[in-house]
Amino acid sequence: MYSPGEEIVQIVDEENRKLGELPRRLMREQGLIHRAGYILVFNAAGELFIQKRTASKDIYPGYWDVAAGGVVQGGESYEQSAERELAEELGIGPGPLTFLFDQYYEDADNRVWGRIFSCVHEGPFTLQEEEVEDGRFMLPRMALDLSASEPFTPDGVLILQKILARQEAASAETK
């Protein structure tokens, strides 16, 4: 039987340089820095698909997340990881991903170098029952507002804040 804790993940340093590969369980136990891909899925109306993580997730269980995605496995690129995660979590086949930015995030339970992508998909989605409990589209600003009253992944909230700041800056430039 497959155990997510035994999944082999890339371990990196503070500068995002590869150090090696270890089982996910050891990465979590030792608080090591790893890589993850984050994919924000928008529809044509500009709404963001948010998903509720299952209670069995090893980090942020039951939290809302603004991105599909997950750890970069050993031997994978960020892009390969993103495509794999979209297929696994949402049932989305390979399609164009737009690179947005890289970010480092750290809290007491998570130290991660993330590569953030976006894509456009209208659904329907096939939610992976082991990882995704529920999901829905909403405007990005509404998702950020909801994060004040509902538990959201903190790294996802940071991504959402950056996305909205970029949108506001671009809007101000066109006025």
Foldseek 3Di string as FASTA:
>chain_A
DDDQQQFKFFFADPVRHTDDIGGNVVCQVVVTEGEKEWEWEAAPVQWTKKFFWDQPDPPPHRAIFRTFMDTHGPPGDSVRRRQVRCCQAWVDHDDDKAWDAWDFDDDPRHTYIYTYIYDYDDDDTDGNVNTTDDIDIDHLVVVLVVVVPGGHPPVRNVVSVVVVVVVVVVVVVVD
